[in-house]
């Protein structure tokens, strides 16, 4: 299956579905990456803070070595940290040569920072929504596929759901071969509650993003970078 892409403001493209690896358990990540690339994924997301980049790199290397893909076929996203880490040390951790040339990474860099779950016990559970269940039956899809299709069909975002189960990895990718109606899209847009996430230190990791420094000058700098095409 060929995964559609969206164009970034610097002209490069990013597949709209990728494999997330946050909270994937040690010993399961390599095979998940192998299964994902075999299924058609060409976007693999990882981070030093996840503690599993070596397995991600091993899975990618296996699929390159067996001829399924070349390095240029893949988009690999990671997150560089401060506190003595650099691109070279991140590349060594991940797997020599697999991250690719630094200019490519900078050209498509998207500031991201992992954070703790924000759900509370009394929050509504989206998968309990009656309309979502109705649409899942209508399209003969799972509720997860419906939600992912809402995101990907708008053409403005890439989704990176996590799974280490082969069947679910394939199921996730199958969120791109059907179309929701305009009415369906508008229904899900009403779920927006104008929520915002505050940046916090996570898992003892220092983040390198200026946005985490709570000053107006730093925030202005981030916004300037966004306008100049860095995000």
N, C-alpha and C. Protein backbone atom coordinates (compact mmCIF):
# COMPACT_ATOMS: atom_id res chain seq x y z
N UNK A 1 0.84 -1.19 0.00
CA UNK A 1 0.00 0.00 0.00
C UNK A 1 0.88 1.25 0.00
N UNK A 2 0.57 2.18 -0.90
CA UNK A 2 1.30 3.44 -0.96
C UNK A 2 0.63 4.44 -0.03
N UNK A 3 1.37 4.95 0.93
CA UNK A 3 0.83 5.89 1.91
C UNK A 3 0.89 7.30 1.34
N UNK A 4 -0.23 8.02 1.28
CA UNK A 4 -0.21 9.41 0.80
C UNK A 4 0.70 10.28 1.66
N UNK A 5 1.11 11.39 1.10
CA UNK A 5 1.97 12.33 1.82
C UNK A 5 1.34 13.71 1.84
N UNK A 6 1.80 14.53 2.76
CA UNK A 6 1.44 15.95 2.77
C UNK A 6 2.72 16.74 2.61
N UNK A 7 2.61 17.91 2.00
CA UNK A 7 3.78 18.73 1.74
C UNK A 7 4.00 19.72 2.87
N UNK A 8 5.22 19.77 3.38
CA UNK A 8 5.58 20.76 4.38
C UNK A 8 5.84 22.09 3.71
N UNK A 9 5.96 23.16 4.51
CA UNK A 9 6.10 24.47 3.90
C UNK A 9 7.48 24.71 3.31
N UNK A 10 8.39 23.75 3.45
CA UNK A 10 9.69 23.87 2.78
C UNK A 10 9.74 23.02 1.51
N UNK A 11 8.60 22.45 1.13
CA UNK A 11 8.53 21.68 -0.10
C UNK A 11 8.73 20.19 0.06
N UNK A 12 9.25 19.76 1.17
CA UNK A 12 9.43 18.33 1.40
C UNK A 12 8.10 17.69 1.81
N UNK A 13 8.04 16.38 1.71
CA UNK A 13 6.80 15.68 2.01
C UNK A 13 6.99 14.73 3.19
N UNK A 14 5.87 14.41 3.85
CA UNK A 14 5.88 13.50 4.99
C UNK A 14 4.68 12.55 4.86
N UNK A 15 4.88 11.24 4.98
CA UNK A 15 3.75 10.30 4.92
C UNK A 15 2.74 10.62 6.02
N UNK A 16 1.46 10.51 5.69
CA UNK A 16 0.43 10.92 6.64
C UNK A 16 0.18 9.90 7.74
N UNK A 17 0.74 8.70 7.60
CA UNK A 17 0.66 7.70 8.67
C UNK A 17 2.06 7.19 8.96
N UNK A 18 2.41 7.19 10.25
CA UNK A 18 3.70 6.66 10.66
C UNK A 18 3.54 5.75 11.85
N UNK A 19 4.61 5.04 12.18
CA UNK A 19 4.58 4.16 13.35
C UNK A 19 5.17 4.88 14.55
N UNK A 20 4.37 5.02 15.61
CA UNK A 20 4.87 5.58 16.85
C UNK A 20 5.49 4.49 17.72
N UNK A 21 6.46 4.86 18.54
CA UNK A 21 7.16 3.87 19.37
C UNK A 21 7.23 4.24 20.84
N UNK A 22 6.52 5.29 21.24
CA UNK A 22 6.51 5.66 22.66
C UNK A 22 5.82 4.57 23.47
N UNK A 23 6.43 4.18 24.57
CA UNK A 23 5.90 3.18 25.50
C UNK A 23 5.89 1.76 24.93
N UNK A 24 6.48 1.54 23.77
CA UNK A 24 6.64 0.17 23.28
C UNK A 24 7.69 -0.53 24.13
N UNK A 25 7.40 -1.75 24.55
CA UNK A 25 8.26 -2.45 25.51
C UNK A 25 9.53 -2.97 24.85
N UNK A 26 10.64 -3.00 25.60
CA UNK A 26 11.88 -3.58 25.08
C UNK A 26 11.65 -5.01 24.61
N UNK A 27 12.26 -5.34 23.50
CA UNK A 27 12.10 -6.68 22.94
C UNK A 27 10.97 -6.80 21.95
N UNK A 28 10.11 -5.77 21.87
CA UNK A 28 8.97 -5.79 20.95
C UNK A 28 9.12 -4.79 19.81
N UNK A 29 10.02 -3.84 19.98
CA UNK A 29 10.08 -2.71 19.06
C UNK A 29 10.64 -3.10 17.69
N UNK A 30 11.72 -3.86 17.67
CA UNK A 30 12.34 -4.23 16.39
C UNK A 30 11.33 -4.92 15.49
N UNK A 31 10.62 -5.92 16.00
CA UNK A 31 9.67 -6.65 15.17
C UNK A 31 8.52 -5.76 14.74
N UNK A 32 8.10 -4.83 15.59
CA UNK A 32 7.04 -3.90 15.20
C UNK A 32 7.48 -3.05 14.01
N UNK A 33 8.72 -2.58 14.03
CA UNK A 33 9.24 -1.78 12.92
C UNK A 33 9.34 -2.63 11.66
N UNK A 34 9.81 -3.87 11.80
CA UNK A 34 9.88 -4.78 10.65
C UNK A 34 8.49 -5.00 10.06
N UNK A 35 7.51 -5.27 10.91
CA UNK A 35 6.14 -5.51 10.44
C UNK A 35 5.56 -4.26 9.78
N UNK A 36 5.87 -3.10 10.34
CA UNK A 36 5.33 -1.85 9.79
C UNK A 36 5.89 -1.58 8.40
N UNK A 37 7.19 -1.71 8.23
CA UNK A 37 7.79 -1.45 6.92
C UNK A 37 7.30 -2.48 5.90
N UNK A 38 7.16 -3.73 6.32
CA UNK A 38 6.64 -4.77 5.44
C UNK A 38 5.22 -4.43 4.98
N UNK A 39 4.42 -3.87 5.89
CA UNK A 39 3.03 -3.52 5.57
C UNK A 39 2.92 -2.31 4.66
N UNK A 40 3.96 -1.48 4.61
CA UNK A 40 3.92 -0.30 3.75
C UNK A 40 4.24 1.01 4.42
N UNK A 41 4.47 1.00 5.73
CA UNK A 41 4.86 2.24 6.42
C UNK A 41 6.19 2.73 5.88
N UNK A 42 6.28 4.05 5.72
CA UNK A 42 7.55 4.65 5.32
C UNK A 42 7.92 5.81 6.25
N UNK A 43 7.22 5.93 7.35
CA UNK A 43 7.46 6.99 8.34
C UNK A 43 7.56 6.31 9.70
N UNK A 44 8.73 6.39 10.33
CA UNK A 44 8.97 5.78 11.63
C UNK A 44 9.36 6.88 12.61
N UNK A 45 8.63 6.96 13.72
CA UNK A 45 8.90 8.00 14.72
C UNK A 45 9.58 7.39 15.94
N UNK A 46 10.55 8.11 16.49
CA UNK A 46 11.25 7.61 17.67
C UNK A 46 11.81 8.79 18.46
N UNK A 47 12.45 8.51 19.59
CA UNK A 47 13.05 9.55 20.42
C UNK A 47 14.00 8.91 21.42
N UNK A 48 15.05 9.63 21.77
CA UNK A 48 15.98 9.18 22.80
C UNK A 48 15.23 8.91 24.10
N UNK A 49 14.27 9.77 24.42
CA UNK A 49 13.54 9.64 25.68
C UNK A 49 12.72 8.36 25.76
N UNK A 50 12.42 7.74 24.62
CA UNK A 50 11.64 6.50 24.63
C UNK A 50 12.49 5.30 25.05
N UNK A 51 13.81 5.42 24.91
CA UNK A 51 14.70 4.35 25.34
C UNK A 51 14.72 3.13 24.44
N UNK A 52 14.26 3.26 23.19
CA UNK A 52 14.23 2.08 22.32
C UNK A 52 14.74 2.35 20.90
N UNK A 53 15.53 3.41 20.73
CA UNK A 53 15.98 3.76 19.39
C UNK A 53 16.91 2.71 18.78
N UNK A 54 17.66 1.98 19.61
CA UNK A 54 18.52 0.94 19.07
C UNK A 54 17.69 -0.15 18.39
N UNK A 55 16.57 -0.52 19.00
CA UNK A 55 15.70 -1.52 18.39
C UNK A 55 15.04 -0.98 17.13
N UNK A 56 14.64 0.28 17.15
CA UNK A 56 14.08 0.89 15.95
C UNK A 56 15.09 0.82 14.82
N UNK A 57 16.33 1.20 15.11
CA UNK A 57 17.38 1.15 14.10
C UNK A 57 17.63 -0.25 13.59
N UNK A 58 17.58 -1.24 14.49
CA UNK A 58 17.80 -2.63 14.09
C UNK A 58 16.70 -3.11 13.15
N UNK A 59 15.46 -2.72 13.43
CA UNK A 59 14.35 -3.11 12.56
C UNK A 59 14.47 -2.48 11.19
N UNK A 60 14.83 -1.21 11.16
CA UNK A 60 15.01 -0.53 9.87
C UNK A 60 16.14 -1.16 9.08
N UNK A 61 17.24 -1.44 9.75
CA UNK A 61 18.40 -2.04 9.08
C UNK A 61 18.04 -3.39 8.47
N UNK A 62 17.24 -4.17 9.18
CA UNK A 62 16.84 -5.48 8.65
C UNK A 62 16.08 -5.33 7.34
N UNK A 63 15.17 -4.36 7.28
CA UNK A 63 14.36 -4.18 6.07
C UNK A 63 15.16 -3.54 4.94
N UNK A 64 16.18 -2.77 5.27
CA UNK A 64 17.07 -2.25 4.23
C UNK A 64 17.94 -3.38 3.70
N UNK A 65 18.47 -4.20 4.61
CA UNK A 65 19.35 -5.30 4.20
C UNK A 65 18.64 -6.35 3.36
N UNK A 66 17.33 -6.57 3.63
CA UNK A 66 16.63 -7.60 2.84
C UNK A 66 16.05 -7.04 1.54
N UNK A 67 16.30 -5.76 1.28
CA UNK A 67 15.91 -5.17 0.01
C UNK A 67 14.50 -4.64 -0.06
N UNK A 68 13.76 -4.67 1.04
CA UNK A 68 12.39 -4.16 1.03
C UNK A 68 12.36 -2.67 0.75
N UNK A 69 13.27 -1.92 1.37
CA UNK A 69 13.35 -0.47 1.19
C UNK A 69 14.80 -0.05 1.11
N UNK A 70 15.01 1.17 0.67
CA UNK A 70 16.30 1.83 0.80
C UNK A 70 16.16 2.91 1.87
N UNK A 71 17.28 3.43 2.31
CA UNK A 71 17.21 4.49 3.33
C UNK A 71 16.43 5.68 2.81
N UNK A 72 16.57 5.99 1.53
CA UNK A 72 15.88 7.15 0.97
C UNK A 72 14.37 6.96 0.89
N UNK A 73 13.90 5.73 1.02
CA UNK A 73 12.45 5.49 1.01
C UNK A 73 11.80 5.88 2.33
N UNK A 74 12.59 6.03 3.38
CA UNK A 74 12.05 6.18 4.73
C UNK A 74 12.21 7.59 5.27
N UNK A 75 11.22 8.02 6.02
CA UNK A 75 11.32 9.24 6.82
C UNK A 75 11.39 8.80 8.28
N UNK A 76 12.49 9.11 8.93
CA UNK A 76 12.69 8.74 10.33
C UNK A 76 12.73 10.02 11.15
N UNK A 77 11.81 10.16 12.08
CA UNK A 77 11.78 11.35 12.93
C UNK A 77 12.26 10.99 14.32
N UNK A 78 13.11 11.86 14.87
CA UNK A 78 13.60 11.69 16.23
C UNK A 78 13.60 13.05 16.90
N UNK A 79 14.09 13.13 18.12
CA UNK A 79 14.13 14.39 18.86
C UNK A 79 15.48 14.51 19.53
N UNK A 80 16.21 15.57 19.22
CA UNK A 80 17.50 15.80 19.84
C UNK A 80 17.31 16.48 21.19
N UNK A 81 18.09 16.07 22.16
CA UNK A 81 18.00 16.63 23.51
C UNK A 81 19.23 17.47 23.81
N UNK A 82 19.09 18.37 24.78
CA UNK A 82 20.26 19.10 25.25
C UNK A 82 20.90 18.29 26.37
N UNK A 83 21.75 18.90 27.17
CA UNK A 83 22.40 18.17 28.24
C UNK A 83 23.53 17.29 27.74
N UNK A 84 24.30 17.80 26.75
CA UNK A 84 25.46 17.07 26.28
C UNK A 84 25.21 16.20 25.07
N UNK A 85 23.94 16.07 24.65
CA UNK A 85 23.65 15.25 23.47
C UNK A 85 23.73 16.10 22.23
N UNK A 86 24.08 15.48 21.13
CA UNK A 86 24.22 16.17 19.86
C UNK A 86 23.68 15.27 18.77
N UNK A 87 23.67 15.79 17.53
CA UNK A 87 23.21 14.96 16.42
C UNK A 87 24.07 13.71 16.29
N UNK A 88 25.39 13.86 16.45
CA UNK A 88 26.27 12.72 16.26
C UNK A 88 26.03 11.64 17.32
N UNK A 89 25.83 12.04 18.58
CA UNK A 89 25.58 11.04 19.62
C UNK A 89 24.21 10.40 19.44
N UNK A 90 23.24 11.17 18.98
CA UNK A 90 21.91 10.60 18.72
C UNK A 90 21.99 9.59 17.59
N UNK A 91 22.74 9.92 16.55
CA UNK A 91 22.89 9.01 15.42
C UNK A 91 23.56 7.71 15.84
N UNK A 92 24.56 7.81 16.72
CA UNK A 92 25.24 6.61 17.21
C UNK A 92 24.28 5.74 18.02
N UNK A 93 23.45 6.37 18.85
CA UNK A 93 22.49 5.63 19.66
C UNK A 93 21.49 4.91 18.77
N UNK A 94 21.05 5.60 17.72
CA UNK A 94 20.00 5.06 16.87
C UNK A 94 20.54 3.98 15.94
N UNK A 95 21.72 4.19 15.43
CA UNK A 95 22.31 3.27 14.46
C UNK A 95 23.05 4.05 13.41
N UNK A 96 24.30 3.81 13.28
CA UNK A 96 25.16 4.60 12.41
C UNK A 96 24.60 4.69 11.00
N UNK A 97 24.40 5.92 10.53
CA UNK A 97 23.98 6.16 9.16
C UNK A 97 22.49 6.10 8.93
N UNK A 98 21.71 5.62 9.88
CA UNK A 98 20.28 5.43 9.62
C UNK A 98 19.48 6.71 9.75
N UNK A 99 19.96 7.65 10.56
CA UNK A 99 19.23 8.92 10.64
C UNK A 99 19.39 9.74 9.39
N UNK A 100 20.50 9.54 8.69
CA UNK A 100 20.72 10.27 7.45
C UNK A 100 21.44 11.57 7.67
N UNK A 101 21.75 12.30 6.59
CA UNK A 101 22.51 13.54 6.70
C UNK A 101 21.79 14.57 7.56
N UNK A 102 22.53 15.32 8.32
CA UNK A 102 21.96 16.34 9.19
C UNK A 102 21.13 17.37 8.44
N UNK A 103 21.57 17.86 7.26
CA UNK A 103 20.74 18.87 6.57
C UNK A 103 19.33 18.41 6.31
N UNK A 104 19.13 17.13 5.99
CA UNK A 104 17.77 16.63 5.77
C UNK A 104 16.96 16.72 7.05
N UNK A 105 17.58 16.37 8.17
CA UNK A 105 16.86 16.39 9.44
C UNK A 105 16.46 17.80 9.81
N UNK A 106 17.37 18.75 9.56
CA UNK A 106 17.06 20.14 9.89
C UNK A 106 15.98 20.69 8.97
N UNK A 107 16.02 20.28 7.70
CA UNK A 107 15.09 20.85 6.74
C UNK A 107 13.65 20.49 7.05
N UNK A 108 13.43 19.32 7.64
CA UNK A 108 12.06 18.91 7.91
C UNK A 108 11.77 18.84 9.40
N UNK A 109 12.60 19.51 10.20
CA UNK A 109 12.45 19.41 11.64
C UNK A 109 11.13 19.96 12.15
N UNK A 110 10.49 19.22 13.00
CA UNK A 110 9.25 19.64 13.64
C UNK A 110 9.45 19.61 15.14
N UNK A 111 9.43 20.76 15.83
CA UNK A 111 9.61 20.74 17.28
C UNK A 111 8.53 19.90 17.95
N UNK A 112 8.95 18.88 18.67
CA UNK A 112 8.02 18.01 19.38
C UNK A 112 8.57 17.77 20.78
N UNK A 113 7.69 17.63 21.76
CA UNK A 113 8.15 17.27 23.10
C UNK A 113 7.15 16.30 23.71
N UNK A 114 7.60 15.08 24.05
CA UNK A 114 6.69 14.12 24.68
C UNK A 114 6.27 14.60 26.05
N UNK A 115 5.10 14.21 26.50
CA UNK A 115 4.61 14.66 27.79
C UNK A 115 3.76 13.58 28.42
N UNK A 116 3.37 13.80 29.65
CA UNK A 116 2.58 12.80 30.35
C UNK A 116 1.14 12.83 29.84
N UNK A 117 0.38 11.73 29.99
CA UNK A 117 -1.03 11.74 29.61
C UNK A 117 -1.79 12.78 30.42
N UNK A 118 -2.74 13.44 29.78
CA UNK A 118 -3.50 14.50 30.44
C UNK A 118 -4.92 14.06 30.77
N UNK A 119 -5.25 12.81 30.51
CA UNK A 119 -6.61 12.35 30.78
C UNK A 119 -6.88 12.28 32.28
N UNK A 120 -8.11 12.59 32.62
CA UNK A 120 -8.57 12.50 34.01
C UNK A 120 -9.70 11.47 34.07
N UNK A 121 -9.94 10.89 35.24
CA UNK A 121 -10.97 9.84 35.35
C UNK A 121 -12.34 10.27 34.86
N UNK A 122 -12.66 11.57 34.99
CA UNK A 122 -14.00 12.02 34.60
C UNK A 122 -14.05 12.55 33.17
N UNK A 123 -12.94 12.46 32.43
CA UNK A 123 -12.95 12.91 31.04
C UNK A 123 -13.83 11.98 30.20
N UNK A 124 -14.50 12.53 29.17
CA UNK A 124 -15.28 11.66 28.28
C UNK A 124 -14.35 10.73 27.50
N UNK A 125 -14.82 9.53 27.23
CA UNK A 125 -14.06 8.55 26.45
C UNK A 125 -14.57 8.59 25.02
N UNK A 126 -13.72 9.02 24.11
CA UNK A 126 -14.17 9.25 22.74
C UNK A 126 -14.71 7.98 22.09
N UNK A 127 -14.16 6.83 22.46
CA UNK A 127 -14.61 5.60 21.83
C UNK A 127 -15.98 5.15 22.32
N UNK A 128 -16.51 5.83 23.33
CA UNK A 128 -17.87 5.56 23.79
C UNK A 128 -18.90 6.42 23.07
N UNK A 129 -18.44 7.29 22.19
CA UNK A 129 -19.36 8.19 21.50
C UNK A 129 -20.28 7.38 20.58
N UNK A 130 -21.61 7.55 20.72
CA UNK A 130 -22.55 6.76 19.91
C UNK A 130 -22.38 6.98 18.41
N UNK A 131 -22.13 8.21 18.01
CA UNK A 131 -21.97 8.51 16.59
C UNK A 131 -20.73 7.82 16.02
N UNK A 132 -19.67 7.77 16.80
CA UNK A 132 -18.46 7.09 16.35
C UNK A 132 -18.74 5.60 16.12
N UNK A 133 -19.46 5.00 17.05
CA UNK A 133 -19.81 3.59 16.90
C UNK A 133 -20.69 3.38 15.66
N UNK A 134 -21.58 4.33 15.43
CA UNK A 134 -22.46 4.25 14.26
C UNK A 134 -21.66 4.33 12.96
N UNK A 135 -20.70 5.24 12.92
CA UNK A 135 -19.87 5.39 11.72
C UNK A 135 -18.98 4.18 11.50
N UNK A 136 -18.50 3.59 12.59
CA UNK A 136 -17.68 2.39 12.46
C UNK A 136 -18.48 1.27 11.77
N UNK A 137 -19.75 1.15 12.14
CA UNK A 137 -20.61 0.15 11.50
C UNK A 137 -20.90 0.54 10.05
N UNK A 138 -21.15 1.82 9.82
CA UNK A 138 -21.47 2.31 8.48
C UNK A 138 -20.35 2.00 7.49
N UNK A 139 -19.12 2.23 7.90
CA UNK A 139 -17.98 2.05 6.99
C UNK A 139 -17.32 0.69 7.16
N UNK A 140 -17.86 -0.14 8.05
CA UNK A 140 -17.26 -1.46 8.32
C UNK A 140 -15.79 -1.32 8.72
N UNK A 141 -15.55 -0.38 9.63
CA UNK A 141 -14.20 -0.11 10.12
C UNK A 141 -14.22 -0.11 11.65
N UNK A 142 -13.03 -0.12 12.23
CA UNK A 142 -12.94 0.00 13.68
C UNK A 142 -13.05 1.47 14.07
N UNK A 143 -13.47 1.77 15.30
CA UNK A 143 -13.49 3.16 15.75
C UNK A 143 -12.13 3.85 15.60
N UNK A 144 -11.05 3.11 15.84
CA UNK A 144 -9.71 3.68 15.68
C UNK A 144 -9.49 4.14 14.25
N UNK A 145 -9.88 3.32 13.28
CA UNK A 145 -9.69 3.69 11.88
C UNK A 145 -10.51 4.92 11.52
N UNK A 146 -11.70 5.04 12.09
CA UNK A 146 -12.54 6.21 11.81
C UNK A 146 -11.86 7.48 12.33
N UNK A 147 -11.37 7.44 13.56
CA UNK A 147 -10.71 8.61 14.14
C UNK A 147 -9.46 8.98 13.35
N UNK A 148 -8.66 7.97 12.98
CA UNK A 148 -7.45 8.24 12.22
C UNK A 148 -7.78 8.80 10.84
N UNK A 149 -8.87 8.31 10.25
CA UNK A 149 -9.26 8.83 8.93
C UNK A 149 -9.70 10.28 9.03
N UNK A 150 -10.37 10.63 10.11
CA UNK A 150 -10.73 12.03 10.32
C UNK A 150 -9.48 12.91 10.29
N UNK A 151 -8.43 12.46 10.94
CA UNK A 151 -7.20 13.24 10.98
C UNK A 151 -6.51 13.27 9.62
N UNK A 152 -6.36 12.12 8.99
CA UNK A 152 -5.58 12.07 7.75
C UNK A 152 -6.32 12.66 6.56
N UNK A 153 -7.64 12.55 6.54
CA UNK A 153 -8.39 13.03 5.38
C UNK A 153 -8.32 14.53 5.24
N UNK A 154 -8.08 15.23 6.33
CA UNK A 154 -8.00 16.69 6.26
C UNK A 154 -6.72 17.16 5.58
N UNK A 155 -5.74 16.28 5.44
CA UNK A 155 -4.54 16.60 4.69
C UNK A 155 -3.62 17.60 5.34
N UNK A 156 -3.75 17.78 6.64
CA UNK A 156 -2.92 18.79 7.31
C UNK A 156 -2.11 18.21 8.45
N UNK A 157 -2.16 16.91 8.64
CA UNK A 157 -1.50 16.33 9.80
C UNK A 157 -1.06 14.91 9.49
N UNK A 158 0.06 14.51 10.09
CA UNK A 158 0.48 13.11 10.02
C UNK A 158 0.19 12.46 11.37
N UNK A 159 -0.35 11.27 11.36
CA UNK A 159 -0.64 10.56 12.60
C UNK A 159 0.42 9.49 12.82
N UNK A 160 0.80 9.28 14.08
CA UNK A 160 1.82 8.29 14.40
C UNK A 160 1.35 7.39 15.55
N UNK A 161 0.24 6.66 15.35
CA UNK A 161 -0.24 5.77 16.40
C UNK A 161 0.77 4.66 16.69
N UNK A 162 0.78 4.21 17.93
CA UNK A 162 1.73 3.19 18.38
C UNK A 162 1.05 1.84 18.47
N UNK A 163 1.74 0.80 18.02
CA UNK A 163 1.31 -0.57 18.25
C UNK A 163 2.51 -1.49 18.03
N UNK A 164 2.51 -2.61 18.72
CA UNK A 164 3.53 -3.64 18.48
C UNK A 164 2.87 -4.93 17.99
N UNK A 165 1.57 -4.87 17.76
CA UNK A 165 0.82 -6.03 17.29
C UNK A 165 0.66 -5.96 15.77
N UNK A 166 1.11 -6.99 15.08
CA UNK A 166 1.14 -6.96 13.62
C UNK A 166 -0.24 -6.66 13.03
N UNK A 167 -1.26 -7.31 13.54
CA UNK A 167 -2.61 -7.11 13.00
C UNK A 167 -3.06 -5.66 13.16
N UNK A 168 -2.76 -5.06 14.29
CA UNK A 168 -3.16 -3.67 14.51
C UNK A 168 -2.32 -2.71 13.68
N UNK A 169 -1.06 -3.03 13.50
CA UNK A 169 -0.20 -2.20 12.66
C UNK A 169 -0.77 -2.13 11.25
N UNK A 170 -1.20 -3.26 10.73
CA UNK A 170 -1.81 -3.29 9.40
C UNK A 170 -3.15 -2.58 9.41
N UNK A 171 -3.95 -2.79 10.46
CA UNK A 171 -5.26 -2.15 10.57
C UNK A 171 -5.13 -0.63 10.56
N UNK A 172 -4.14 -0.13 11.28
CA UNK A 172 -3.93 1.32 11.33
C UNK A 172 -3.67 1.87 9.94
N UNK A 173 -2.84 1.17 9.18
CA UNK A 173 -2.51 1.64 7.83
C UNK A 173 -3.73 1.64 6.92
N UNK A 174 -4.68 0.78 7.21
CA UNK A 174 -5.89 0.71 6.39
C UNK A 174 -6.90 1.81 6.72
N UNK A 175 -6.45 2.85 7.39
CA UNK A 175 -7.32 4.00 7.64
C UNK A 175 -7.31 4.97 6.47
N UNK A 176 -6.57 4.67 5.41
CA UNK A 176 -6.41 5.63 4.32
C UNK A 176 -7.12 5.22 3.04
N UNK A 177 -7.82 4.09 3.06
CA UNK A 177 -8.41 3.60 1.81
C UNK A 177 -9.93 3.74 1.77
N UNK A 178 -10.46 4.70 2.54
CA UNK A 178 -11.89 5.02 2.46
C UNK A 178 -12.05 6.51 2.76
N UNK A 179 -13.22 7.05 2.47
CA UNK A 179 -13.46 8.49 2.63
C UNK A 179 -14.66 8.74 3.54
N UNK A 180 -14.47 9.62 4.51
CA UNK A 180 -15.58 10.11 5.31
C UNK A 180 -16.31 11.20 4.53
N UNK A 181 -17.59 11.38 4.79
CA UNK A 181 -18.34 12.46 4.15
C UNK A 181 -18.02 13.79 4.84
N UNK A 182 -18.36 14.88 4.17
CA UNK A 182 -18.16 16.20 4.77
C UNK A 182 -18.94 16.33 6.08
N UNK A 183 -20.11 15.72 6.11
CA UNK A 183 -20.93 15.76 7.32
C UNK A 183 -20.23 15.03 8.47
N UNK A 184 -19.61 13.90 8.16
CA UNK A 184 -18.87 13.16 9.19
C UNK A 184 -17.71 13.99 9.73
N UNK A 185 -16.99 14.64 8.83
CA UNK A 185 -15.85 15.47 9.24
C UNK A 185 -16.31 16.58 10.17
N UNK A 186 -17.40 17.24 9.80
CA UNK A 186 -17.91 18.35 10.62
C UNK A 186 -18.32 17.86 12.00
N UNK A 187 -18.84 16.65 12.08
CA UNK A 187 -19.23 16.11 13.38
C UNK A 187 -18.02 15.99 14.29
N UNK A 188 -16.94 15.44 13.79
CA UNK A 188 -15.75 15.27 14.62
C UNK A 188 -15.08 16.60 14.95
N UNK A 189 -15.23 17.56 14.07
CA UNK A 189 -14.66 18.88 14.37
C UNK A 189 -15.32 19.51 15.58
N UNK A 190 -16.52 19.12 15.90
CA UNK A 190 -17.21 19.65 17.08
C UNK A 190 -16.62 19.10 18.38
N UNK A 191 -15.78 18.09 18.28
CA UNK A 191 -15.12 17.56 19.47
C UNK A 191 -14.08 18.54 20.02
N UNK A 192 -13.68 19.51 19.21
CA UNK A 192 -12.64 20.46 19.63
C UNK A 192 -13.10 21.21 20.87
N UNK A 193 -12.26 21.17 21.93
CA UNK A 193 -12.59 21.88 23.17
C UNK A 193 -11.58 22.98 23.45
N UNK A 194 -10.81 23.36 22.42
CA UNK A 194 -9.81 24.43 22.54
C UNK A 194 -8.80 24.11 23.65
N UNK A 195 -8.50 22.85 23.81
CA UNK A 195 -7.55 22.43 24.85
C UNK A 195 -6.13 22.85 24.53
N UNK A 196 -5.35 23.08 25.55
CA UNK A 196 -3.94 23.44 25.39
C UNK A 196 -3.10 22.58 26.33
N UNK A 197 -1.88 22.30 25.92
CA UNK A 197 -0.97 21.51 26.73
C UNK A 197 0.16 22.40 27.21
N UNK A 198 0.44 22.37 28.51
CA UNK A 198 1.55 23.13 29.07
C UNK A 198 2.80 22.27 29.09
N UNK A 199 3.94 22.85 28.74
CA UNK A 199 5.19 22.10 28.68
C UNK A 199 5.71 21.82 30.08
N UNK A 200 6.09 20.58 30.32
CA UNK A 200 6.67 20.17 31.60
C UNK A 200 7.89 19.30 31.34
N UNK A 201 8.79 19.23 32.33
CA UNK A 201 9.87 18.26 32.24
C UNK A 201 9.24 16.86 32.25
N UNK A 202 9.78 15.97 31.44
CA UNK A 202 9.19 14.65 31.27
C UNK A 202 10.25 13.58 31.43
N UNK A 203 10.02 12.68 32.34
CA UNK A 203 10.89 11.52 32.50
C UNK A 203 12.33 11.90 32.80
N UNK A 204 12.53 13.07 33.42
CA UNK A 204 13.87 13.49 33.78
C UNK A 204 14.72 13.94 32.61
N UNK A 205 14.11 14.13 31.44
CA UNK A 205 14.85 14.52 30.24
C UNK A 205 14.77 16.02 30.05
N UNK A 206 15.90 16.66 29.76
CA UNK A 206 15.91 18.08 29.44
C UNK A 206 15.61 18.26 27.96
N UNK A 207 14.65 19.10 27.65
CA UNK A 207 14.32 19.34 26.25
C UNK A 207 15.07 20.54 25.71
N UNK A 208 15.34 20.49 24.41
CA UNK A 208 16.14 21.55 23.82
C UNK A 208 15.29 22.63 23.18
N UNK A 209 13.98 22.54 23.33
CA UNK A 209 13.12 23.45 22.61
C UNK A 209 12.94 24.77 23.36
N UNK A 210 13.15 25.87 22.67
CA UNK A 210 13.03 27.18 23.29
C UNK A 210 11.65 27.44 23.86
N UNK A 211 10.65 26.77 23.30
CA UNK A 211 9.29 26.99 23.76
C UNK A 211 9.12 26.63 25.23
N UNK A 212 9.99 25.75 25.73
CA UNK A 212 9.88 25.34 27.12
C UNK A 212 10.37 26.41 28.07
N UNK A 213 11.10 27.40 27.55
CA UNK A 213 11.57 28.49 28.38
C UNK A 213 10.48 29.55 28.39
N UNK A 214 9.87 29.75 29.52
CA UNK A 214 8.65 30.54 29.60
C UNK A 214 8.94 32.04 29.61
N UNK A 215 9.42 32.54 28.48
CA UNK A 215 9.64 33.97 28.33
C UNK A 215 9.05 34.41 27.01
N UNK A 216 8.61 35.65 26.96
CA UNK A 216 8.01 36.16 25.74
C UNK A 216 9.03 36.22 24.61
N UNK A 217 10.28 36.59 24.93
CA UNK A 217 11.30 36.69 23.90
C UNK A 217 11.56 35.33 23.25
N UNK A 218 11.64 34.30 24.08
CA UNK A 218 11.88 32.97 23.54
C UNK A 218 10.71 32.51 22.68
N UNK A 219 9.48 32.80 23.14
CA UNK A 219 8.31 32.42 22.38
C UNK A 219 8.29 33.13 21.03
N UNK A 220 8.66 34.41 21.03
CA UNK A 220 8.72 35.14 19.77
C UNK A 220 9.72 34.49 18.81
N UNK A 221 10.83 34.01 19.37
CA UNK A 221 11.83 33.35 18.54
C UNK A 221 11.29 32.09 17.90
N UNK A 222 10.52 31.32 18.65
CA UNK A 222 9.92 30.11 18.10
C UNK A 222 8.95 30.45 16.99
N UNK A 223 8.16 31.50 17.20
CA UNK A 223 7.19 31.91 16.17
C UNK A 223 7.90 32.39 14.91
N UNK A 224 9.03 33.09 15.09
CA UNK A 224 9.81 33.53 13.92
C UNK A 224 10.31 32.31 13.15
N UNK A 225 10.78 31.30 13.88
CA UNK A 225 11.26 30.09 13.22
C UNK A 225 10.14 29.41 12.45
N UNK A 226 8.94 29.42 13.03
CA UNK A 226 7.81 28.79 12.36
C UNK A 226 7.51 29.50 11.05
N UNK A 227 7.55 30.83 11.08
CA UNK A 227 7.24 31.59 9.87
C UNK A 227 8.33 31.42 8.81
N UNK A 228 9.56 31.16 9.24
CA UNK A 228 10.66 31.05 8.29
C UNK A 228 10.75 29.66 7.68
N UNK A 229 9.88 28.75 8.10
CA UNK A 229 9.84 27.44 7.47
C UNK A 229 10.47 26.32 8.26
N UNK A 230 10.87 26.57 9.51
CA UNK A 230 11.46 25.50 10.30
C UNK A 230 10.42 24.56 10.85
N UNK A 231 9.16 25.03 10.92
CA UNK A 231 8.09 24.14 11.37
C UNK A 231 6.93 24.24 10.40
